[in-house]
Amino acid sequence: MSWINCQLLSSLKQLKLTLAPSHSKSTRVLITPNTIDLTTINSAESDPLSDTFLCFSETVDPSTLNINQSGHYVTLSLAIQSMDSIETTTSITPDSAHTDMTAAQNWSSSQSIQCHNCKFNLTNTSQSDPSAAHNLFERHVDLPSQHWHEMLECWACHHEDYSSTLQGQQGGLILAQKNAVLVGDSYILLHPDTMQMDRLAIIYTGNEPVGSIKESNNRFHLQQVKIVKLFKYRIDAMIGSGRPLHTSFPDCFIEEIMDIANAHATYRFYIHDEDSLNEAKPLLYIWLFSTHIQSVRIRETGRVKVKQRPAIKVLYKTFHRNDPINNHPDMSNKQNTERLYMASDLVVMLIKLLHINSEEQLPAPERKMLGFKASVLFYSRPA
């Protein structure tokens, strides 16, 4: 089946259309400020074989049309005159089965927290205050960026422990509060009294695996827990409407690397399996190449209202766990490269997603750049 790849590059104020080979051989193009009519015709006959009429919310300048051909692919580039609609189309409506966890106020009506995979209830449903028995939390607090204290220290003329200036901070440690939830970018912090602690198990202490846990040792460790950190992509928070709050892993990952990029001007990342904690052998290298783009692949014909999906474009390389050390990148002098550690299943998921999106969303000539593979990662809210 033929397709049209559409990308909106807001930083360049440019709209790019890449036509599949079946389109590019004999396609008649008619451009107006808000529409593009692509009519595929038979080279031997004048009768059209198919017609695709694209309607855009953005306004383009037809006089800026630039046509490039690479192999069997043809790319049409147009300058965008009106950028007003770009800001409104960067977020999409959440899936009907899930509501996004981004806004902290969404937690005010949460009644329980469940495992996203098995739907097991992780929290105590009973509350000490009968009037608040319906909701799990009395307060919800947005946490600042994890890099906020570093940014303050850069502008300070004297050294000070800024980590103690926020309520609930002690020596850089964010203490959980009873009946309250502290909401971060990709995680939440809870007080142990909120959780069913006897149902949880500690598998790491100070990043060191504790091995096979016996019941007595488990209870001993859990009594010392002062904070419970839950990643949003691992849980569902059941809210008053009966729908779960959930944030996908790609959303959290994109938000994290964008936050790091904004705080440290770092755009290159080594991804490690946290189970191995081996800095010499990352499994994935990602270069944040382009942010705030919108992309969609159109396969249908007829009148199509184009709704691009917000995305980032990345360049990446993968490495195998058992590769010799000389096959892995030299990390001895990588000051502008951030190392990220994540669970094994998330590393596998991320690599698979990069491969799939590269094949499905990018034309063949754009799947490799500068010796790297290229791909896009979609997100469901502005990063």
Protein backbone atom coordinates (compact mmCIF):
# COMPACT_ATOMS: atom_id res chain seq x y z
CA MET A 1 0.00 0.00 0.00
CA SER A 2 1.31 3.50 -0.84
CA TRP A 3 1.85 6.08 1.87
CA ILE A 4 2.73 9.73 2.49
CA ASN A 5 5.05 10.71 5.32
CA CYS A 6 4.29 14.15 6.76
CA GLN A 7 6.61 16.00 9.16
CA LEU A 8 6.14 19.42 10.66
CA LEU A 9 9.40 20.99 11.87
CA SER A 10 8.35 23.85 14.13
CA SER A 11 11.92 25.08 14.76
CA LEU A 12 12.48 25.48 11.00
CA LYS A 13 8.89 26.54 10.27
CA GLN A 14 8.80 23.90 7.58
CA LEU A 15 6.40 21.23 6.36
CA LYS A 16 7.89 18.16 4.66
CA LEU A 17 5.99 15.55 2.65
CA THR A 18 7.76 12.41 1.48
CA LEU A 19 5.93 10.41 -1.19
CA ALA A 20 6.21 6.65 -1.48
CA PRO A 21 7.62 5.26 -4.76
CA SER A 22 4.18 4.42 -6.14
CA HIS A 23 3.21 8.08 -5.77
CA SER A 24 6.42 9.66 -6.96
CA LYS A 25 6.53 8.26 -10.49
CA SER A 26 3.49 10.12 -11.77
CA THR A 27 1.77 12.36 -9.27
CA ARG A 28 0.08 15.67 -9.96
CA VAL A 29 0.44 18.14 -7.08
CA LEU A 30 -1.82 21.13 -6.44
CA ILE A 31 -0.95 23.30 -3.43
CA THR A 32 -3.02 25.97 -1.69
CA PRO A 33 -2.19 27.67 1.65
CA ASN A 34 -4.10 25.02 3.64
CA THR A 35 -4.43 22.02 1.31
CA ILE A 36 -2.32 19.76 -0.87
CA ASP A 37 -3.99 17.70 -3.58
CA LEU A 38 -1.99 14.65 -4.70
CA THR A 39 -3.44 12.87 -7.72
CA THR A 40 -1.78 9.68 -8.91
CA ILE A 41 -2.21 9.18 -12.65
CA ASN A 42 -1.38 6.37 -15.03
CA SER A 43 1.57 7.31 -17.21
CA ALA A 44 -0.17 5.83 -20.26
CA GLU A 45 -3.59 7.35 -19.57
CA SER A 46 -4.84 10.65 -18.26
CA ASP A 47 -7.44 9.14 -15.92
CA PRO A 48 -6.48 9.44 -12.23
CA LEU A 49 -5.89 6.20 -10.32
CA SER A 50 -6.25 7.72 -6.86
CA ASP A 51 -6.61 11.10 -5.24
CA THR A 52 -5.47 12.23 -1.78
CA PHE A 53 -6.64 15.64 -0.59
CA LEU A 54 -4.70 16.73 2.52
CA CYS A 55 -6.14 19.44 4.77
CA PHE A 56 -3.76 21.20 7.18
CA SER A 57 -4.46 23.44 10.15
CA GLU A 58 -1.16 25.22 9.38
CA THR A 59 -0.86 27.78 6.59
CA VAL A 60 1.93 27.20 4.07
CA ASP A 61 3.41 29.40 1.36
CA PRO A 62 2.98 27.57 -1.99
CA SER A 63 5.66 29.75 -3.61
CA THR A 64 8.34 28.21 -1.34
CA LEU A 65 7.88 24.69 -2.71
CA ASN A 66 11.16 22.81 -2.93
CA ILE A 67 11.35 19.32 -4.47
CA ASN A 68 14.13 16.83 -3.71
CA GLN A 69 14.49 13.28 -5.00
CA SER A 70 16.50 10.53 -3.32
CA GLY A 71 16.28 7.20 -5.08
CA HIS A 72 12.61 6.42 -5.57
CA TYR A 73 11.46 8.90 -2.92
CA VAL A 74 10.34 12.48 -3.57
CA THR A 75 10.23 15.06 -0.76
CA LEU A 76 8.19 18.26 -0.95
CA SER A 77 9.25 21.06 1.43
CA LEU A 78 7.14 24.14 2.16
CA ALA A 79 7.63 27.11 4.46
CA ILE A 80 4.94 27.61 7.09
CA GLN A 81 3.44 31.08 7.31
CA SER A 82 1.18 30.62 10.33
CA MET A 83 2.62 28.97 13.44
CA ASP A 84 -0.38 29.60 15.69
CA SER A 85 -1.82 26.13 15.28
CA ILE A 86 1.47 24.38 16.04
CA GLU A 87 1.20 25.17 19.71
CA THR A 88 -2.31 23.79 19.94
CA THR A 89 -1.58 20.56 18.10
CA THR A 90 1.43 19.50 20.17
CA SER A 91 -0.81 17.74 22.67
CA ILE A 92 -3.26 15.05 21.78
CA THR A 93 -6.31 13.78 23.61
CA PRO A 94 -5.38 10.97 26.01
CA ASP A 95 -6.61 7.49 25.28
CA SER A 96 -10.20 7.01 26.43
CA ALA A 97 -9.14 4.18 28.75
CA HIS A 98 -6.47 6.23 30.53
CA THR A 99 -6.04 9.76 31.85
CA ASP A 100 -2.58 11.27 31.97
CA MET A 101 -0.69 11.62 35.26
CA THR A 102 1.12 14.80 34.29
CA ALA A 103 -0.89 17.30 36.33
CA ALA A 104 -0.52 16.87 40.09
CA GLN A 105 -4.13 17.95 40.68
CA ASN A 106 -5.30 14.75 38.98
CA TRP A 107 -4.18 12.91 42.11
CA SER A 108 -6.68 14.72 44.33
CA SER A 109 -9.42 12.25 43.40
CA SER A 110 -7.32 9.08 43.38
CA GLN A 111 -8.71 6.29 45.54
CA SER A 112 -6.11 3.54 45.13
CA ILE A 113 -2.90 2.67 43.29
CA GLN A 114 -2.59 -0.56 41.35
CA CYS A 115 0.16 -2.38 39.50
CA HIS A 116 -0.26 -1.55 35.81
CA ASN A 117 0.43 -5.12 34.71
CA CYS A 118 -1.37 -7.34 37.22
CA LYS A 119 -3.84 -4.73 38.63
CA PHE A 120 -2.89 -5.68 42.20
CA ASN A 121 -3.80 -3.02 44.78
CA LEU A 122 -0.65 -1.55 46.37
CA THR A 123 -2.21 0.93 48.80
CA ASN A 124 -4.22 0.87 51.99
CA THR A 125 -7.79 1.87 51.28
CA SER A 126 -8.64 2.86 54.85
CA GLN A 127 -7.80 6.38 56.07
CA SER A 128 -7.39 7.70 59.61
CA ASP A 129 -9.69 10.60 58.83
CA PRO A 130 -13.19 9.29 58.02
CA SER A 131 -14.02 12.43 56.05
CA ALA A 132 -11.17 11.67 53.65
CA ALA A 133 -11.92 7.96 53.34
CA HIS A 134 -13.07 8.36 49.76
CA ASN A 135 -9.78 9.79 48.49
CA LEU A 136 -6.30 8.40 49.06
CA PHE A 137 -4.51 11.75 49.45
CA GLU A 138 -5.36 15.03 51.15
CA ARG A 139 -2.54 16.94 49.43
CA HIS A 140 -0.74 16.71 46.11
CA VAL A 141 2.50 18.61 45.54
CA ASP A 142 4.36 19.12 42.28
CA LEU A 143 8.06 18.41 42.69
CA PRO A 144 10.46 20.83 40.96
CA SER A 145 12.89 19.62 38.34
CA GLN A 146 15.43 17.19 39.77
CA HIS A 147 18.09 19.66 38.66
CA TRP A 148 16.59 22.76 40.34
CA HIS A 149 19.23 23.03 43.13
CA GLU A 150 22.09 22.69 40.61
CA MET A 151 20.72 25.59 38.57
CA LEU A 152 20.50 27.77 41.69
CA GLU A 153 24.07 27.00 42.71
CA CYS A 154 25.34 28.09 39.29
CA TRP A 155 24.13 31.65 39.95
CA ALA A 156 24.98 31.84 43.65
CA CYS A 157 28.00 33.84 44.87
CA HIS A 158 28.36 31.63 47.96
CA HIS A 159 27.86 27.98 48.74
CA GLU A 160 24.68 26.95 50.47
CA ASP A 161 22.67 23.78 50.84
CA TYR A 162 19.67 24.84 48.76
CA SER A 163 18.16 21.38 49.12
CA SER A 164 16.90 22.36 52.58
CA THR A 165 14.95 25.41 51.43
CA LEU A 166 11.84 23.46 50.46
CA GLN A 167 9.34 22.23 53.01
CA GLY A 168 9.88 18.54 53.66
CA GLN A 169 13.59 18.62 52.69
CA GLN A 170 16.35 17.36 54.95
CA GLY A 171 19.92 17.31 53.62
CA GLY A 172 18.81 16.89 50.04
CA LEU A 173 16.37 14.10 50.87
CA ILE A 174 12.71 14.66 50.06
CA LEU A 175 10.74 13.22 52.96
CA ALA A 176 7.34 11.74 52.25
CA GLN A 177 4.36 13.02 54.20
CA LYS A 178 1.34 11.11 55.43
CA ASN A 179 -1.81 11.50 53.34
CA ALA A 180 0.17 13.39 50.69
CA VAL A 181 1.64 12.53 47.30
CA LEU A 182 4.71 14.25 45.86
CA VAL A 183 4.50 14.18 42.06
CA GLY A 184 7.67 14.15 39.96
CA ASP A 185 8.17 13.91 36.21
CA SER A 186 8.29 10.13 35.99
CA TYR A 187 7.59 9.03 39.56
CA ILE A 188 5.63 9.74 42.73
CA LEU A 189 6.80 9.67 46.36
CA LEU A 190 4.54 8.26 49.06
CA HIS A 191 4.64 7.73 52.80
CA PRO A 192 4.96 4.04 53.79
CA ASP A 193 1.69 4.28 55.76
CA THR A 194 -0.09 4.72 52.42
CA MET A 195 1.23 1.42 51.10
CA GLN A 196 0.56 -2.21 51.90
CA MET A 197 4.16 -2.63 52.97
CA ASP A 198 3.76 -6.30 53.90
CA ARG A 199 3.02 -7.00 50.22
CA LEU A 200 6.22 -5.34 48.97
CA ALA A 201 9.74 -6.74 48.72
CA ILE A 202 13.10 -4.99 48.71
CA ILE A 203 15.40 -6.33 46.02
CA TYR A 204 18.11 -3.64 46.12
CA THR A 205 19.84 -1.85 48.98
CA GLY A 206 22.17 0.96 47.92
CA ASN A 207 22.07 -0.33 44.34
CA GLU A 208 23.34 -3.71 45.53
CA PRO A 209 21.08 -6.76 45.09
CA VAL A 210 20.11 -8.34 48.42
CA GLY A 211 19.58 -11.78 46.89
CA SER A 212 16.83 -14.17 47.87
CA ILE A 213 14.73 -12.45 50.52
CA LYS A 214 13.31 -14.37 53.46
CA GLU A 215 10.18 -13.14 55.18
CA SER A 216 11.96 -12.08 58.38
CA ASN A 217 14.63 -10.09 56.52
CA ASN A 218 11.98 -8.52 54.33
CA ARG A 219 10.07 -7.18 57.33
CA PHE A 220 13.26 -5.89 58.91
CA HIS A 221 14.16 -3.88 55.83
CA LEU A 222 10.63 -2.59 55.28
CA GLN A 223 10.44 -1.18 58.80
CA GLN A 224 13.28 1.17 57.90
CA VAL A 225 11.66 2.51 54.74
CA LYS A 226 10.78 6.22 55.01
CA ILE A 227 9.89 6.89 51.39
CA VAL A 228 8.20 4.78 48.72
CA LYS A 229 9.03 5.76 45.13
CA LEU A 230 6.75 4.46 42.38
CA PHE A 231 7.35 5.00 38.68
CA LYS A 232 4.27 6.27 36.86
CA TYR A 233 4.64 3.86 33.95
CA ARG A 234 4.48 0.90 36.38
CA ILE A 235 1.24 1.86 38.10
CA ASP A 236 -2.37 2.92 37.60
CA ALA A 237 -4.03 5.34 40.00
CA MET A 238 -7.77 4.73 40.19
CA ILE A 239 -9.60 8.06 40.29
CA GLY A 240 -13.14 8.99 41.23
CA SER A 241 -14.49 8.58 37.72
CA GLY A 242 -13.45 4.93 37.73
CA ARG A 243 -10.77 5.47 35.06
CA PRO A 244 -7.08 4.87 35.77
CA LEU A 245 -4.42 7.54 35.70
CA HIS A 246 -1.47 6.24 33.72
CA THR A 247 1.59 7.64 31.97
CA SER A 248 3.38 5.53 29.37
CA PHE A 249 7.10 4.79 29.56
CA PRO A 250 7.93 6.70 26.32
CA ASP A 251 6.28 9.81 27.79
CA CYS A 252 8.38 9.55 30.96
CA PHE A 253 11.58 8.80 29.06
CA ILE A 254 11.16 11.74 26.68
CA GLU A 255 10.32 14.09 29.54
CA GLU A 256 13.42 12.97 31.44
CA ILE A 257 15.89 13.44 28.58
CA MET A 258 14.29 16.77 27.67
CA ASP A 259 14.64 17.89 31.28
CA ILE A 260 18.30 16.86 31.30
CA ALA A 261 18.89 18.59 27.96
CA ASN A 262 17.36 21.83 29.23
CA ALA A 263 19.27 21.73 32.52
CA HIS A 264 22.69 20.60 31.32
CA ALA A 265 22.67 21.26 27.55
CA THR A 266 23.29 17.53 27.18
CA TYR A 267 21.82 15.85 24.13
CA ARG A 268 23.64 12.50 24.13
CA PHE A 269 22.76 9.60 26.38
CA TYR A 270 24.15 6.17 27.18
CA ILE A 271 21.43 3.77 28.29
CA HIS A 272 22.53 1.03 30.70
CA ASP A 273 20.78 -2.00 32.11
CA GLU A 274 20.45 -1.19 35.80
CA ASP A 275 20.65 -4.89 36.65
CA SER A 276 24.25 -5.00 35.44
CA LEU A 277 25.43 -1.54 36.62
CA ASN A 278 28.35 -1.85 34.20
CA GLU A 279 29.29 1.61 32.95
CA ALA A 280 31.77 0.14 30.49
CA LYS A 281 29.04 -1.58 28.50
CA PRO A 282 25.98 0.52 27.65
CA LEU A 283 23.32 -1.20 25.58
CA LEU A 284 22.07 1.88 23.74
CA TYR A 285 23.40 5.25 22.65
CA ILE A 286 20.90 8.02 21.87
CA TRP A 287 21.56 11.42 20.35
CA LEU A 288 18.67 13.85 20.74
CA PHE A 289 18.72 15.24 17.22
CA SER A 290 15.51 17.26 16.83
CA THR A 291 12.80 18.20 19.31
CA HIS A 292 9.24 19.47 19.01
CA ILE A 293 8.50 17.94 15.64
CA GLN A 294 5.21 16.48 14.52
CA SER A 295 4.95 13.44 12.33
CA VAL A 296 2.34 11.17 10.80
CA ARG A 297 2.25 8.54 8.06
CA ILE A 298 -0.85 8.71 5.87
CA ARG A 299 -1.99 5.53 4.15
CA GLU A 300 -5.57 6.36 3.20
CA THR A 301 -6.80 8.20 0.14
CA GLY A 302 -9.60 10.70 -0.29
CA ARG A 303 -10.05 13.77 1.90
CA VAL A 304 -7.73 13.56 4.92
CA LYS A 305 -7.54 16.04 7.79
CA VAL A 306 -3.89 15.80 8.80
CA LYS A 307 -3.32 15.42 12.55
CA GLN A 308 0.37 15.10 13.29
CA ARG A 309 1.58 13.39 16.44
CA PRO A 310 4.13 15.24 18.62
CA ALA A 311 7.51 13.53 18.55
CA ILE A 312 11.26 13.87 18.88
CA LYS A 313 13.81 12.64 16.35
CA VAL A 314 16.82 10.72 17.61
CA LEU A 315 19.93 9.06 16.25
CA TYR A 316 20.91 5.83 17.97
CA LYS A 317 23.24 2.85 18.12
CA THR A 318 22.69 -0.45 19.90
CA PHE A 319 25.30 -2.64 21.56
CA HIS A 320 25.12 -6.28 22.62
CA ARG A 321 25.75 -7.27 26.20
CA ASN A 322 28.33 -9.90 25.21
CA ASP A 323 30.25 -7.72 22.75
CA PRO A 324 34.00 -7.39 23.39
CA ILE A 325 34.88 -4.22 25.27
CA ASN A 326 36.58 -2.72 22.20
CA ASN A 327 33.24 -2.83 20.35
CA HIS A 328 31.69 -0.51 22.93
CA PRO A 329 32.13 3.27 22.83
CA ASP A 330 34.98 4.94 24.68
CA MET A 331 33.36 6.66 27.67
CA SER A 332 36.54 7.96 29.31
CA ASN A 333 36.04 11.53 28.04
CA LYS A 334 32.31 11.99 27.60
CA GLN A 335 31.55 15.03 29.74
CA ASN A 336 28.59 16.04 27.60
CA THR A 337 27.05 12.58 27.64
CA GLU A 338 24.59 11.53 30.33
CA ARG A 339 24.32 7.96 31.59
CA LEU A 340 20.83 6.65 32.32
CA TYR A 341 20.03 3.37 34.05
CA MET A 342 16.76 1.54 33.61
CA ALA A 343 15.27 -1.90 34.08
CA SER A 344 16.09 -4.62 31.57
CA ASP A 345 12.56 -4.82 30.18
CA LEU A 346 12.49 -1.06 29.59
CA VAL A 347 15.78 -1.13 27.67
CA VAL A 348 14.42 -3.92 25.46
CA MET A 349 11.15 -2.01 24.98
CA LEU A 350 12.96 1.20 24.02
CA ILE A 351 15.24 -0.51 21.48
CA LYS A 352 12.29 -2.34 19.93
CA LEU A 353 10.28 0.88 19.73
CA LEU A 354 13.15 2.69 18.01
CA HIS A 355 13.46 -0.08 15.41
CA ILE A 356 9.71 -0.21 14.72
CA ASN A 357 9.28 3.56 14.42
CA SER A 358 12.31 3.82 12.15
CA GLU A 359 10.83 1.29 9.73
CA GLU A 360 7.23 2.49 9.92
CA GLN A 361 7.59 6.26 10.23
CA LEU A 362 10.70 7.27 8.28
CA PRO A 363 11.38 6.92 4.55
CA ALA A 364 14.31 4.64 3.74
CA PRO A 365 16.73 7.51 2.88
CA GLU A 366 16.14 9.08 6.32
CA ARG A 367 16.70 5.94 8.43
CA LYS A 368 20.46 6.44 8.59
CA MET A 369 22.36 9.65 9.34
CA LEU A 370 25.98 10.38 10.26
CA GLY A 371 26.72 6.70 10.78
CA PHE A 372 23.74 6.24 13.13
CA LYS A 373 20.27 4.80 12.75
CA ALA A 374 17.48 7.37 12.89
CA SER A 375 14.05 7.07 14.46
CA VAL A 376 11.27 9.04 16.11
CA LEU A 377 9.68 8.68 19.52
CA PHE A 378 6.10 9.84 19.96
CA TYR A 379 4.69 11.32 23.15
CA SER A 380 1.18 12.20 24.20
CA ARG A 381 1.86 15.59 25.76
CA PRO A 382 4.32 18.46 25.26
CA ALA A 383 7.77 17.65 26.64
